[in-house]
Amino acid sequence: MTEHELACRQAEQSALALLSRDRASASLGMELLDVGPGRARLRMRVRDDMLNGFLLCHGGLLCALADTAFAIACNSWGPQAVGAAISMDYLRPARGGDCVTAAAECLHQGGRQGLYEVRLSNQRDETLALLRGRSHRIGACAVSDD
């Protein structure tokens, strides 16, 4: 197996382990589409119970989707990492029935700090929001049997 294949396998194992314990993401119907070293793509359909008073998807739920993609991407390398800071820019709303995709990508990983960007888009590939997140590696491997 090549080094790249091993890294992809590590990323997939890490993602599956994290998502198997992530009740919040499961309750929102998040689905893993793709994962690799430093990247992840997830999808979530906007349900009626996710709408706010303006009948648009609640921004906190969009942030939850982006944050989950960020978490999977920053833990794809092996060492356990947590979010240290995020900022989110909302560009257009998501509506009931929309299928929102979160695509996370590593911009920089150096030592214990990483910088990631997550783009949220709808089924028409229109950008809905951008999250920028800073991760901090805290030690042991993200995949464990605990």
Protein backbone atom coordinates (compact mmCIF):
# COMPACT_ATOMS: atom_id res chain seq x y z
CA MET A 1 0.00 0.00 0.00
CA THR A 2 1.37 3.44 -0.93
CA GLU A 3 1.85 6.27 1.55
CA HIS A 4 -1.09 8.14 -0.02
CA GLU A 5 -3.33 5.08 0.26
CA LEU A 6 -2.37 4.68 3.92
CA ALA A 7 -3.14 8.36 4.59
CA CYS A 8 -6.53 8.02 2.89
CA ARG A 9 -7.30 4.91 4.93
CA GLN A 10 -6.32 6.74 8.15
CA ALA A 11 -8.61 9.65 7.21
CA GLU A 12 -11.55 7.33 6.53
CA GLN A 13 -11.07 5.36 9.76
CA SER A 14 -10.83 8.57 11.77
CA ALA A 15 -13.99 10.00 10.15
CA LEU A 16 -16.00 6.84 10.73
CA ALA A 17 -14.85 6.61 14.36
CA LEU A 18 -15.73 10.25 15.07
CA LEU A 19 -19.12 10.06 13.36
CA SER A 20 -20.03 6.79 15.10
CA ARG A 21 -19.95 8.67 18.43
CA ASP A 22 -21.34 12.02 17.20
CA ARG A 23 -24.98 12.02 18.25
CA ALA A 24 -25.50 15.71 17.43
CA SER A 25 -24.44 15.31 13.79
CA ALA A 26 -26.48 12.11 13.46
CA SER A 27 -29.60 13.82 14.82
CA LEU A 28 -29.23 16.50 12.12
CA GLY A 29 -28.99 13.85 9.39
CA MET A 30 -25.42 14.64 8.33
CA GLU A 31 -23.97 12.22 5.79
CA LEU A 32 -20.27 11.74 5.00
CA LEU A 33 -19.64 12.00 1.25
CA ASP A 34 -15.85 12.00 1.02
CA VAL A 35 -12.80 12.23 3.25
CA GLY A 36 -9.06 12.32 2.72
CA PRO A 37 -5.97 13.79 4.35
CA GLY A 38 -6.90 17.35 5.36
CA ARG A 39 -10.30 17.36 3.69
CA ALA A 40 -13.89 16.25 4.19
CA ARG A 41 -17.27 16.62 2.49
CA LEU A 42 -20.60 16.16 4.26
CA ARG A 43 -24.22 16.73 3.29
CA MET A 44 -27.36 17.66 5.23
CA ARG A 45 -30.91 18.14 3.96
CA VAL A 46 -32.72 21.11 5.53
CA ARG A 47 -35.82 19.75 7.29
CA ASP A 48 -38.85 21.74 8.44
CA ASP A 49 -37.73 21.44 12.07
CA MET A 50 -34.48 23.25 11.12
CA LEU A 51 -36.25 26.44 10.01
CA ASN A 52 -36.13 29.66 12.02
CA GLY A 53 -38.79 32.38 12.36
CA PHE A 54 -38.06 33.60 8.82
CA LEU A 55 -38.63 30.06 7.47
CA LEU A 56 -34.93 29.82 6.57
CA CYS A 57 -32.44 27.29 7.89
CA HIS A 58 -31.22 28.37 11.33
CA GLY A 59 -27.65 29.70 11.06
CA GLY A 60 -26.56 27.66 14.06
CA LEU A 61 -27.45 24.45 12.24
CA LEU A 62 -25.48 25.50 9.17
CA CYS A 63 -22.58 26.26 11.51
CA ALA A 64 -22.96 22.80 13.05
CA LEU A 65 -22.62 21.20 9.60
CA ALA A 66 -19.54 23.30 8.79
CA ASP A 67 -18.03 22.58 12.21
CA THR A 68 -18.47 18.82 11.76
CA ALA A 69 -16.73 18.94 8.36
CA PHE A 70 -13.94 21.00 9.98
CA ALA A 71 -13.61 18.43 12.79
CA ILE A 72 -13.37 15.51 10.39
CA ALA A 73 -10.82 17.27 8.18
CA CYS A 74 -8.55 18.36 11.05
CA ASN A 75 -8.63 14.88 12.59
CA SER A 76 -7.96 13.13 9.28
CA TRP A 77 -4.18 13.19 9.76
CA GLY A 78 -4.20 10.91 12.82
CA PRO A 79 -3.34 13.09 15.85
CA GLN A 80 -6.40 14.21 17.81
CA ALA A 81 -7.30 17.84 17.12
CA VAL A 82 -9.94 20.20 18.47
CA GLY A 83 -11.29 23.49 17.21
CA ALA A 84 -9.58 26.46 18.83
CA ALA A 85 -11.45 29.21 16.95
CA ILE A 86 -13.93 29.65 14.13
CA SER A 87 -15.49 32.50 12.20
CA MET A 88 -18.48 32.12 9.93
CA ASP A 89 -19.69 34.37 7.13
CA TYR A 90 -23.24 33.81 5.89
CA LEU A 91 -23.69 34.83 2.25
CA ARG A 92 -27.17 33.56 1.31
CA PRO A 93 -29.86 31.55 3.09
CA ALA A 94 -30.60 27.86 2.94
CA ARG A 95 -34.29 27.02 2.62
CA GLY A 96 -36.44 24.08 3.57
CA GLY A 97 -35.68 21.08 1.37
CA ASP A 98 -32.26 22.39 0.32
CA CYS A 99 -29.42 19.88 0.28
CA VAL A 100 -26.43 21.65 1.84
CA THR A 101 -22.90 20.35 1.24
CA ALA A 102 -19.96 21.28 3.47
CA ALA A 103 -16.52 20.98 1.86
CA ALA A 104 -13.63 21.38 4.32
CA GLU A 105 -10.04 21.85 3.21
CA CYS A 106 -6.77 22.33 5.07
CA LEU A 107 -5.11 25.63 4.19
CA HIS A 108 -2.12 25.11 6.50
CA GLN A 109 -0.99 22.48 9.01
CA GLY A 110 2.14 23.25 10.98
CA GLY A 111 3.08 21.65 14.27
CA ARG A 112 0.04 21.73 16.55
CA GLN A 113 -1.88 24.46 14.69
CA GLY A 114 -3.96 24.06 11.54
CA LEU A 115 -6.03 26.46 9.47
CA TYR A 116 -9.08 25.19 7.57
CA GLU A 117 -11.78 26.61 5.34
CA VAL A 118 -15.24 25.13 4.92
CA ARG A 119 -17.53 26.15 2.05
CA LEU A 120 -21.25 25.49 2.39
CA SER A 121 -23.15 25.23 -0.89
CA ASN A 122 -26.65 24.27 -1.96
CA GLN A 123 -27.79 21.83 -4.64
CA ARG A 124 -27.21 24.54 -7.29
CA ASP A 125 -23.58 24.91 -6.10
CA GLU A 126 -24.31 28.43 -4.83
CA THR A 127 -22.09 29.39 -1.90
CA LEU A 128 -24.19 29.82 1.25
CA ALA A 129 -21.51 30.40 3.87
CA LEU A 130 -17.79 30.17 4.59
CA LEU A 131 -16.26 28.99 7.85
CA ARG A 132 -12.62 29.52 8.71
CA GLY A 133 -11.38 27.40 11.60
CA ARG A 134 -8.15 27.07 13.56
CA SER A 135 -7.40 23.65 15.02
CA HIS A 136 -5.10 22.62 17.84
CA ARG A 137 -3.60 19.13 18.10
CA ILE A 138 -3.91 17.79 21.62
CA GLY A 139 -2.14 14.48 21.39
CA ALA A 140 -3.18 10.89 20.91
CA CYS A 141 -4.58 9.41 17.74
CA ALA A 142 -8.18 10.43 16.97
CA VAL A 143 -9.11 6.78 16.31
CA SER A 144 -9.40 4.67 19.45
CA ASP A 145 -11.59 1.91 20.80
CA ASP A 146 -12.78 3.92 23.84
